[in-house]
Amino acid sequence: MSHHLAQLNVARFTRAADAPENADFHANLDRINALAEAQPGFVWRLKDESGNATDIVAFDDPRIITNMSLWRDLDSLAAFVYRTAHRDIMRRRREWFDHMETYMVLWWVPAGTTPDLADAKRRLALLEANGPTADAFTFREPFPAPGMTSARGIMESCD
């Protein structure tokens, strides 16, 4: 495949990141990150020396955490997000995080390249300003990789 799917998702803790109420979220990070890395279609994920990205400061608000990764295709990412133990953690997000209107963005990058946070943040802002486009889209309104004619219709099974 000539392109990989990049994803950025952000979340804003309702309390300080190190608040005791967030302990269960932090306790599951390594397990869920390892699960992602073991998935068919996983290519790369943003992480620091700790093995995760929660300490990487990408926004002015210290309660906002980021997760960014690359996947072979839309189906690979959707399978991880919606059909593994990740889904169980995601369903608990209201325990730890504030509601955000725009919290996730997808886009295609040439295979062999790694997205950076500046580009990811720009794409999140594009999605928020313009809605889904080929440059910044969502699972609900996916766009095909450059040179492809369709983004496979996976969302019916992911709601």
N, C-alpha and C. Protein backbone atom coordinates (compact mmCIF):
# COMPACT_ATOMS: atom_id res chain seq x y z
N MET A 1 0.85 -1.18 0.00
CA MET A 1 0.00 0.00 0.00
C MET A 1 0.89 1.24 0.00
N SER A 2 0.51 2.25 -0.77
CA SER A 2 1.35 3.44 -0.91
C SER A 2 1.11 4.46 0.20
N HIS A 3 0.03 4.30 0.96
CA HIS A 3 -0.29 5.23 2.05
C HIS A 3 -0.67 4.47 3.32
N HIS A 4 -0.43 5.12 4.43
CA HIS A 4 -0.87 4.63 5.73
C HIS A 4 -1.85 5.63 6.32
N LEU A 5 -2.69 5.14 7.20
CA LEU A 5 -3.67 5.98 7.87
C LEU A 5 -3.08 6.51 9.17
N ALA A 6 -3.05 7.82 9.30
CA ALA A 6 -2.61 8.46 10.55
C ALA A 6 -3.84 8.82 11.36
N GLN A 7 -3.70 8.75 12.67
CA GLN A 7 -4.80 9.15 13.55
C GLN A 7 -4.23 9.92 14.72
N LEU A 8 -4.96 10.94 15.10
CA LEU A 8 -4.69 11.68 16.33
C LEU A 8 -5.98 11.71 17.11
N ASN A 9 -5.91 11.38 18.39
CA ASN A 9 -7.04 11.65 19.24
C ASN A 9 -6.53 12.33 20.49
N VAL A 10 -7.36 13.22 21.00
CA VAL A 10 -7.02 13.99 22.18
C VAL A 10 -8.13 13.83 23.20
N ALA A 11 -7.79 14.05 24.45
CA ALA A 11 -8.77 13.99 25.53
C ALA A 11 -8.34 14.97 26.61
N ARG A 12 -9.34 15.57 27.25
CA ARG A 12 -9.06 16.51 28.34
C ARG A 12 -9.56 15.90 29.64
N PHE A 13 -8.63 15.60 30.53
CA PHE A 13 -9.00 15.07 31.84
C PHE A 13 -9.95 16.04 32.54
N THR A 14 -10.92 15.52 33.26
CA THR A 14 -11.81 16.37 34.03
C THR A 14 -11.10 16.93 35.26
N ARG A 15 -10.07 16.24 35.70
CA ARG A 15 -9.26 16.67 36.85
C ARG A 15 -7.80 16.69 36.40
N ALA A 16 -6.91 17.01 37.28
CA ALA A 16 -5.48 16.93 36.97
C ALA A 16 -5.15 15.51 36.52
N ALA A 17 -4.23 15.38 35.59
CA ALA A 17 -3.90 14.07 35.04
C ALA A 17 -3.50 13.07 36.11
N ASP A 18 -2.83 13.54 37.15
CA ASP A 18 -2.37 12.62 38.20
C ASP A 18 -3.36 12.47 39.36
N ALA A 19 -4.58 12.95 39.19
CA ALA A 19 -5.61 12.82 40.23
C ALA A 19 -5.89 11.33 40.48
N PRO A 20 -6.18 10.98 41.72
CA PRO A 20 -6.46 9.57 42.05
C PRO A 20 -7.61 8.98 41.22
N GLU A 21 -8.56 9.80 40.82
CA GLU A 21 -9.70 9.33 40.03
C GLU A 21 -9.29 8.81 38.65
N ASN A 22 -8.09 9.17 38.21
CA ASN A 22 -7.60 8.73 36.89
C ASN A 22 -6.70 7.50 36.96
N ALA A 23 -6.53 6.96 38.15
CA ALA A 23 -5.60 5.85 38.34
C ALA A 23 -5.93 4.65 37.46
N ASP A 24 -7.21 4.33 37.31
CA ASP A 24 -7.57 3.16 36.50
C ASP A 24 -7.27 3.38 35.02
N PHE A 25 -7.45 4.61 34.56
CA PHE A 25 -7.07 4.92 33.18
C PHE A 25 -5.58 4.66 32.99
N HIS A 26 -4.76 5.23 33.86
CA HIS A 26 -3.30 5.06 33.75
C HIS A 26 -2.89 3.60 33.90
N ALA A 27 -3.59 2.86 34.76
CA ALA A 27 -3.25 1.45 34.99
C ALA A 27 -3.49 0.60 33.75
N ASN A 28 -4.34 1.05 32.85
CA ASN A 28 -4.64 0.28 31.64
C ASN A 28 -3.81 0.69 30.42
N LEU A 29 -3.05 1.76 30.51
CA LEU A 29 -2.31 2.27 29.34
C LEU A 29 -1.38 1.24 28.73
N ASP A 30 -0.51 0.66 29.53
CA ASP A 30 0.46 -0.28 28.97
C ASP A 30 -0.23 -1.46 28.29
N ARG A 31 -1.29 -1.97 28.90
CA ARG A 31 -2.01 -3.11 28.33
C ARG A 31 -2.65 -2.75 26.99
N ILE A 32 -3.28 -1.60 26.93
CA ILE A 32 -3.96 -1.20 25.69
C ILE A 32 -2.93 -0.82 24.61
N ASN A 33 -1.84 -0.18 25.00
CA ASN A 33 -0.79 0.14 24.03
C ASN A 33 -0.17 -1.14 23.46
N ALA A 34 0.08 -2.12 24.31
CA ALA A 34 0.63 -3.39 23.83
C ALA A 34 -0.37 -4.09 22.90
N LEU A 35 -1.65 -4.01 23.23
CA LEU A 35 -2.68 -4.59 22.37
C LEU A 35 -2.66 -3.92 21.00
N ALA A 36 -2.55 -2.60 20.97
CA ALA A 36 -2.49 -1.88 19.68
C ALA A 36 -1.30 -2.36 18.86
N GLU A 37 -0.14 -2.41 19.49
CA GLU A 37 1.08 -2.79 18.77
C GLU A 37 1.03 -4.21 18.24
N ALA A 38 0.22 -5.06 18.83
CA ALA A 38 0.11 -6.45 18.39
C ALA A 38 -0.94 -6.66 17.30
N GLN A 39 -1.71 -5.62 16.98
CA GLN A 39 -2.80 -5.74 16.02
C GLN A 39 -2.28 -5.83 14.58
N PRO A 40 -2.92 -6.66 13.76
CA PRO A 40 -2.60 -6.65 12.33
C PRO A 40 -2.87 -5.25 11.78
N GLY A 41 -1.95 -4.74 11.02
CA GLY A 41 -2.11 -3.42 10.42
C GLY A 41 -1.50 -2.29 11.21
N PHE A 42 -1.06 -2.53 12.44
CA PHE A 42 -0.41 -1.48 13.23
C PHE A 42 0.95 -1.19 12.60
N VAL A 43 1.30 0.12 12.51
CA VAL A 43 2.58 0.53 11.94
C VAL A 43 3.46 1.23 12.98
N TRP A 44 2.90 2.19 13.71
CA TRP A 44 3.70 3.05 14.61
C TRP A 44 2.78 3.78 15.56
N ARG A 45 3.31 4.17 16.73
CA ARG A 45 2.57 5.07 17.61
C ARG A 45 3.54 6.03 18.29
N LEU A 46 3.03 7.19 18.60
CA LEU A 46 3.79 8.21 19.31
C LEU A 46 3.99 7.77 20.75
N LYS A 47 5.23 7.86 21.23
CA LYS A 47 5.50 7.55 22.62
C LYS A 47 6.80 8.20 23.05
N ASP A 48 6.93 8.37 24.35
CA ASP A 48 8.17 8.91 24.89
C ASP A 48 8.90 7.78 25.63
N GLU A 49 9.87 8.15 26.46
CA GLU A 49 10.67 7.16 27.16
C GLU A 49 9.83 6.25 28.05
N SER A 50 8.68 6.74 28.51
CA SER A 50 7.81 5.96 29.39
C SER A 50 7.05 4.87 28.63
N GLY A 51 7.05 4.94 27.31
CA GLY A 51 6.33 3.97 26.50
C GLY A 51 4.93 4.40 26.10
N ASN A 52 4.52 5.60 26.52
CA ASN A 52 3.23 6.12 26.08
C ASN A 52 3.39 7.60 25.75
N ALA A 53 2.29 8.23 25.38
CA ALA A 53 2.36 9.63 24.93
C ALA A 53 1.68 10.60 25.89
N THR A 54 1.23 10.10 27.04
CA THR A 54 0.45 10.98 27.92
C THR A 54 1.27 12.10 28.53
N ASP A 55 2.59 11.97 28.59
CA ASP A 55 3.43 13.04 29.13
C ASP A 55 3.93 14.01 28.06
N ILE A 56 3.63 13.74 26.81
CA ILE A 56 4.03 14.64 25.73
C ILE A 56 3.06 15.81 25.71
N VAL A 57 3.58 17.00 25.89
CA VAL A 57 2.74 18.20 25.94
C VAL A 57 2.59 18.74 24.52
N ALA A 58 1.36 18.68 24.01
CA ALA A 58 1.09 19.14 22.65
C ALA A 58 0.18 20.36 22.63
N PHE A 59 -0.47 20.64 23.76
CA PHE A 59 -1.42 21.75 23.84
C PHE A 59 -1.11 22.59 25.08
N ASP A 60 -1.61 23.81 25.10
CA ASP A 60 -1.39 24.70 26.24
C ASP A 60 -2.05 24.18 27.51
N ASP A 61 -3.16 23.49 27.37
CA ASP A 61 -3.88 22.96 28.51
C ASP A 61 -3.19 21.69 29.01
N PRO A 62 -2.66 21.69 30.24
CA PRO A 62 -1.93 20.52 30.73
C PRO A 62 -2.82 19.29 30.97
N ARG A 63 -4.14 19.47 30.94
CA ARG A 63 -5.03 18.32 31.12
C ARG A 63 -5.31 17.59 29.81
N ILE A 64 -4.86 18.13 28.67
CA ILE A 64 -5.08 17.48 27.37
C ILE A 64 -3.96 16.50 27.09
N ILE A 65 -4.36 15.26 26.81
CA ILE A 65 -3.39 14.24 26.42
C ILE A 65 -3.63 13.87 24.97
N THR A 66 -2.60 13.34 24.34
CA THR A 66 -2.68 12.98 22.93
C THR A 66 -2.34 11.51 22.72
N ASN A 67 -2.85 10.99 21.64
CA ASN A 67 -2.52 9.66 21.16
C ASN A 67 -2.44 9.78 19.66
N MET A 68 -1.33 9.36 19.08
CA MET A 68 -1.18 9.43 17.62
C MET A 68 -0.56 8.12 17.16
N SER A 69 -1.09 7.58 16.06
CA SER A 69 -0.57 6.33 15.54
C SER A 69 -0.76 6.24 14.03
N LEU A 70 -0.10 5.25 13.45
CA LEU A 70 -0.21 4.94 12.02
C LEU A 70 -0.69 3.51 11.86
N TRP A 71 -1.55 3.32 10.86
CA TRP A 71 -2.13 2.02 10.58
C TRP A 71 -2.07 1.74 9.08
N ARG A 72 -2.07 0.48 8.73
CA ARG A 72 -2.02 0.09 7.32
C ARG A 72 -3.22 0.63 6.57
N ASP A 73 -4.39 0.62 7.22
CA ASP A 73 -5.61 1.05 6.54
C ASP A 73 -6.70 1.34 7.56
N LEU A 74 -7.81 1.81 7.08
CA LEU A 74 -8.95 2.17 7.93
C LEU A 74 -9.52 0.96 8.67
N ASP A 75 -9.62 -0.17 7.99
CA ASP A 75 -10.17 -1.36 8.63
C ASP A 75 -9.30 -1.84 9.79
N SER A 76 -7.99 -1.75 9.66
CA SER A 76 -7.09 -2.18 10.74
C SER A 76 -7.30 -1.32 11.98
N LEU A 77 -7.35 -0.02 11.81
CA LEU A 77 -7.57 0.86 12.95
C LEU A 77 -8.95 0.64 13.54
N ALA A 78 -9.97 0.54 12.71
CA ALA A 78 -11.33 0.33 13.22
C ALA A 78 -11.43 -0.98 13.99
N ALA A 79 -10.77 -2.01 13.52
CA ALA A 79 -10.81 -3.29 14.23
C ALA A 79 -10.23 -3.15 15.63
N PHE A 80 -9.12 -2.43 15.75
CA PHE A 80 -8.53 -2.20 17.08
C PHE A 80 -9.46 -1.36 17.95
N VAL A 81 -9.93 -0.24 17.42
CA VAL A 81 -10.72 0.70 18.22
C VAL A 81 -12.03 0.08 18.69
N TYR A 82 -12.72 -0.62 17.79
CA TYR A 82 -14.09 -1.05 18.08
C TYR A 82 -14.27 -2.53 18.37
N ARG A 83 -13.23 -3.35 18.15
CA ARG A 83 -13.43 -4.79 18.30
C ARG A 83 -12.40 -5.46 19.20
N THR A 84 -11.77 -4.69 20.07
CA THR A 84 -10.82 -5.25 21.05
C THR A 84 -11.15 -4.68 22.42
N ALA A 85 -10.33 -5.00 23.40
CA ALA A 85 -10.50 -4.46 24.76
C ALA A 85 -10.40 -2.95 24.79
N HIS A 86 -9.85 -2.34 23.75
CA HIS A 86 -9.81 -0.88 23.68
C HIS A 86 -11.22 -0.31 23.79
N ARG A 87 -12.16 -0.98 23.19
CA ARG A 87 -13.55 -0.52 23.20
C ARG A 87 -14.07 -0.40 24.63
N ASP A 88 -13.72 -1.34 25.48
CA ASP A 88 -14.18 -1.31 26.86
C ASP A 88 -13.63 -0.09 27.60
N ILE A 89 -12.38 0.23 27.35
CA ILE A 89 -11.79 1.43 27.97
C ILE A 89 -12.43 2.68 27.38
N MET A 90 -12.62 2.70 26.08
CA MET A 90 -13.23 3.86 25.42
C MET A 90 -14.64 4.12 25.96
N ARG A 91 -15.36 3.08 26.25
CA ARG A 91 -16.72 3.24 26.79
C ARG A 91 -16.71 3.89 28.17
N ARG A 92 -15.59 3.85 28.85
CA ARG A 92 -15.48 4.44 30.18
C ARG A 92 -14.94 5.87 30.14
N ARG A 93 -14.75 6.44 28.98
CA ARG A 93 -14.07 7.74 28.84
C ARG A 93 -14.71 8.86 29.67
N ARG A 94 -16.01 8.79 29.87
CA ARG A 94 -16.67 9.86 30.64
C ARG A 94 -16.27 9.85 32.12
N GLU A 95 -15.72 8.74 32.59
CA GLU A 95 -15.21 8.68 33.96
C GLU A 95 -14.01 9.60 34.15
N TRP A 96 -13.26 9.80 33.06
CA TRP A 96 -11.98 10.50 33.17
C TRP A 96 -11.92 11.80 32.39
N PHE A 97 -12.68 11.90 31.30
CA PHE A 97 -12.47 13.00 30.35
C PHE A 97 -13.71 13.86 30.15
N ASP A 98 -13.46 15.14 29.87
CA ASP A 98 -14.51 16.08 29.49
C ASP A 98 -14.99 15.74 28.08
N HIS A 99 -16.22 16.14 27.78
CA HIS A 99 -16.73 16.02 26.41
C HIS A 99 -16.02 17.05 25.53
N MET A 100 -15.60 16.63 24.37
CA MET A 100 -14.98 17.52 23.38
C MET A 100 -15.69 17.28 22.05
N GLU A 101 -16.04 18.34 21.35
CA GLU A 101 -16.70 18.21 20.05
C GLU A 101 -15.79 17.55 19.02
N THR A 102 -14.58 18.03 18.91
CA THR A 102 -13.63 17.49 17.94
C THR A 102 -12.45 16.93 18.72
N TYR A 103 -12.32 15.64 18.72
CA TYR A 103 -11.30 14.99 19.54
C TYR A 103 -10.46 13.98 18.75
N MET A 104 -10.84 13.70 17.51
CA MET A 104 -10.13 12.71 16.71
C MET A 104 -10.13 13.12 15.25
N VAL A 105 -9.00 12.86 14.60
CA VAL A 105 -8.88 13.15 13.18
C VAL A 105 -8.07 12.04 12.52
N LEU A 106 -8.44 11.72 11.29
CA LEU A 106 -7.74 10.74 10.47
C LEU A 106 -7.26 11.41 9.20
N TRP A 107 -6.13 10.95 8.67
CA TRP A 107 -5.63 11.43 7.38
C TRP A 107 -4.61 10.43 6.84
N TRP A 108 -4.38 10.50 5.55
CA TRP A 108 -3.45 9.59 4.88
C TRP A 108 -2.08 10.22 4.76
N VAL A 109 -1.04 9.41 4.96
CA VAL A 109 0.34 9.85 4.76
C VAL A 109 1.03 8.84 3.86
N PRO A 110 2.02 9.27 3.09
CA PRO A 110 2.76 8.30 2.28
C PRO A 110 3.41 7.24 3.17
N ALA A 111 3.31 5.99 2.75
CA ALA A 111 3.95 4.90 3.51
C ALA A 111 5.43 5.23 3.68
N GLY A 112 5.94 4.94 4.86
CA GLY A 112 7.35 5.22 5.15
C GLY A 112 7.59 6.55 5.81
N THR A 113 6.55 7.37 5.93
CA THR A 113 6.69 8.65 6.62
C THR A 113 5.95 8.59 7.95
N THR A 114 6.41 9.41 8.88
CA THR A 114 5.80 9.47 10.21
C THR A 114 5.24 10.87 10.41
N PRO A 115 3.99 10.98 10.79
CA PRO A 115 3.42 12.31 11.02
C PRO A 115 4.02 12.95 12.26
N ASP A 116 3.97 14.27 12.31
CA ASP A 116 4.41 14.96 13.52
C ASP A 116 3.23 15.64 14.18
N LEU A 117 3.41 16.03 15.43
CA LEU A 117 2.31 16.61 16.19
C LEU A 117 1.83 17.93 15.60
N ALA A 118 2.73 18.73 15.05
CA ALA A 118 2.30 20.00 14.46
C ALA A 118 1.31 19.76 13.32
N ASP A 119 1.62 18.80 12.45
CA ASP A 119 0.71 18.48 11.34
C ASP A 119 -0.58 17.89 11.88
N ALA A 120 -0.49 17.03 12.88
CA ALA A 120 -1.68 16.42 13.45
C ALA A 120 -2.60 17.47 14.05
N LYS A 121 -2.04 18.42 14.78
CA LYS A 121 -2.85 19.49 15.37
C LYS A 121 -3.48 20.35 14.28
N ARG A 122 -2.74 20.59 13.21
CA ARG A 122 -3.28 21.37 12.09
C ARG A 122 -4.46 20.64 11.46
N ARG A 123 -4.36 19.34 11.34
CA ARG A 123 -5.45 18.57 10.75
C ARG A 123 -6.66 18.51 11.66
N LEU A 124 -6.45 18.45 12.96
CA LEU A 124 -7.56 18.50 13.90
C LEU A 124 -8.28 19.84 13.78
N ALA A 125 -7.52 20.92 13.64
CA ALA A 125 -8.12 22.24 13.46
C ALA A 125 -8.86 22.33 12.13
N LEU A 126 -8.31 21.73 11.07
CA LEU A 126 -8.99 21.70 9.77
C LEU A 126 -10.33 20.99 9.88
N LEU A 127 -10.34 19.85 10.55
CA LEU A 127 -11.58 19.10 10.72
C LEU A 127 -12.59 19.93 11.50
N GLU A 128 -12.15 20.58 12.55
CA GLU A 128 -13.06 21.39 13.35
C GLU A 128 -13.62 22.56 12.54
N ALA A 129 -12.79 23.17 11.71
CA ALA A 129 -13.22 24.34 10.94
C ALA A 129 -14.06 23.99 9.72
N ASN A 130 -13.71 22.88 9.03
CA ASN A 130 -14.32 22.58 7.73
C ASN A 130 -15.17 21.32 7.69
N GLY A 131 -15.16 20.54 8.75
CA GLY A 131 -15.80 19.24 8.68
C GLY A 131 -14.91 18.28 7.90
N PRO A 132 -15.36 17.05 7.71
CA PRO A 132 -14.54 16.04 7.04
C PRO A 132 -14.22 16.40 5.59
N THR A 133 -12.94 16.29 5.26
CA THR A 133 -12.44 16.45 3.89
C THR A 133 -11.38 15.38 3.67
N ALA A 134 -10.84 15.30 2.49
CA ALA A 134 -9.78 14.33 2.21
C ALA A 134 -8.53 14.59 3.06
N ASP A 135 -8.36 15.81 3.55
CA ASP A 135 -7.18 16.17 4.35
C ASP A 135 -7.36 15.90 5.84
N ALA A 136 -8.60 15.75 6.29
CA ALA A 136 -8.87 15.56 7.72
C ALA A 136 -10.29 15.01 7.84
N PHE A 137 -10.41 13.75 8.26
CA PHE A 137 -11.73 13.12 8.26
C PHE A 137 -11.92 12.27 9.51
N THR A 138 -13.05 11.58 9.57
CA THR A 138 -13.41 10.77 10.73
C THR A 138 -13.83 9.37 10.26
N PHE A 139 -14.04 8.49 11.22
CA PHE A 139 -14.58 7.17 10.89
C PHE A 139 -15.96 7.29 10.26
N ARG A 140 -16.76 8.21 10.74
CA ARG A 140 -18.13 8.35 10.23
C ARG A 140 -18.17 8.83 8.79
N GLU A 141 -17.18 9.62 8.40
CA GLU A 141 -17.11 10.13 7.03
C GLU A 141 -15.69 9.94 6.50
N PRO A 142 -15.30 8.69 6.22
CA PRO A 142 -13.94 8.42 5.77
C PRO A 142 -13.71 8.79 4.30
N PHE A 143 -12.48 9.06 3.97
CA PHE A 143 -12.07 9.34 2.60
C PHE A 143 -11.05 8.29 2.19
N PRO A 144 -11.03 7.92 0.92
CA PRO A 144 -10.07 6.91 0.47
C PRO A 144 -8.66 7.45 0.44
N ALA A 145 -7.71 6.54 0.52
CA ALA A 145 -6.30 6.91 0.36
C ALA A 145 -6.10 7.45 -1.05
N PRO A 146 -5.13 8.35 -1.24
CA PRO A 146 -4.85 8.84 -2.59
C PRO A 146 -4.63 7.67 -3.56
N GLY A 147 -5.26 7.76 -4.69
CA GLY A 147 -5.15 6.72 -5.70
C GLY A 147 -6.15 5.59 -5.55
N MET A 148 -6.92 5.59 -4.47
CA MET A 148 -7.94 4.57 -4.26
C MET A 148 -9.30 5.17 -4.59
N THR A 149 -10.25 4.31 -4.89
CA THR A 149 -11.57 4.82 -5.29
C THR A 149 -12.59 4.85 -4.16
N SER A 150 -12.33 4.11 -3.08
CA SER A 150 -13.32 4.13 -1.99
C SER A 150 -12.64 3.89 -0.65
N ALA A 151 -13.30 4.40 0.39
CA ALA A 151 -12.92 4.05 1.76
C ALA A 151 -13.92 2.99 2.16
N ARG A 152 -13.45 1.82 2.47
CA ARG A 152 -14.34 0.68 2.72
C ARG A 152 -15.40 1.04 3.74
N GLY A 153 -16.61 0.57 3.52
CA GLY A 153 -17.75 0.91 4.37
C GLY A 153 -17.80 0.12 5.65
N ILE A 154 -17.03 0.53 6.63
CA ILE A 154 -16.93 -0.23 7.86
C ILE A 154 -17.80 0.33 8.98
N MET A 155 -18.25 1.55 8.88
CA MET A 155 -18.82 2.21 10.04
C MET A 155 -20.15 1.64 10.51
N GLU A 156 -20.87 0.95 9.69
CA GLU A 156 -22.15 0.39 10.12
C GLU A 156 -21.95 -0.52 11.33
N SER A 157 -20.81 -1.22 11.39
CA SER A 157 -20.59 -2.17 12.49
C SER A 157 -19.83 -1.56 13.65
N CYS A 158 -19.53 -0.28 13.60
CA CYS A 158 -18.68 0.33 14.62
C CYS A 158 -19.43 1.25 15.56
N ASP A 159 -20.69 1.49 15.37
CA ASP A 159 -21.42 2.39 16.26
C ASP A 159 -21.83 1.72 17.55
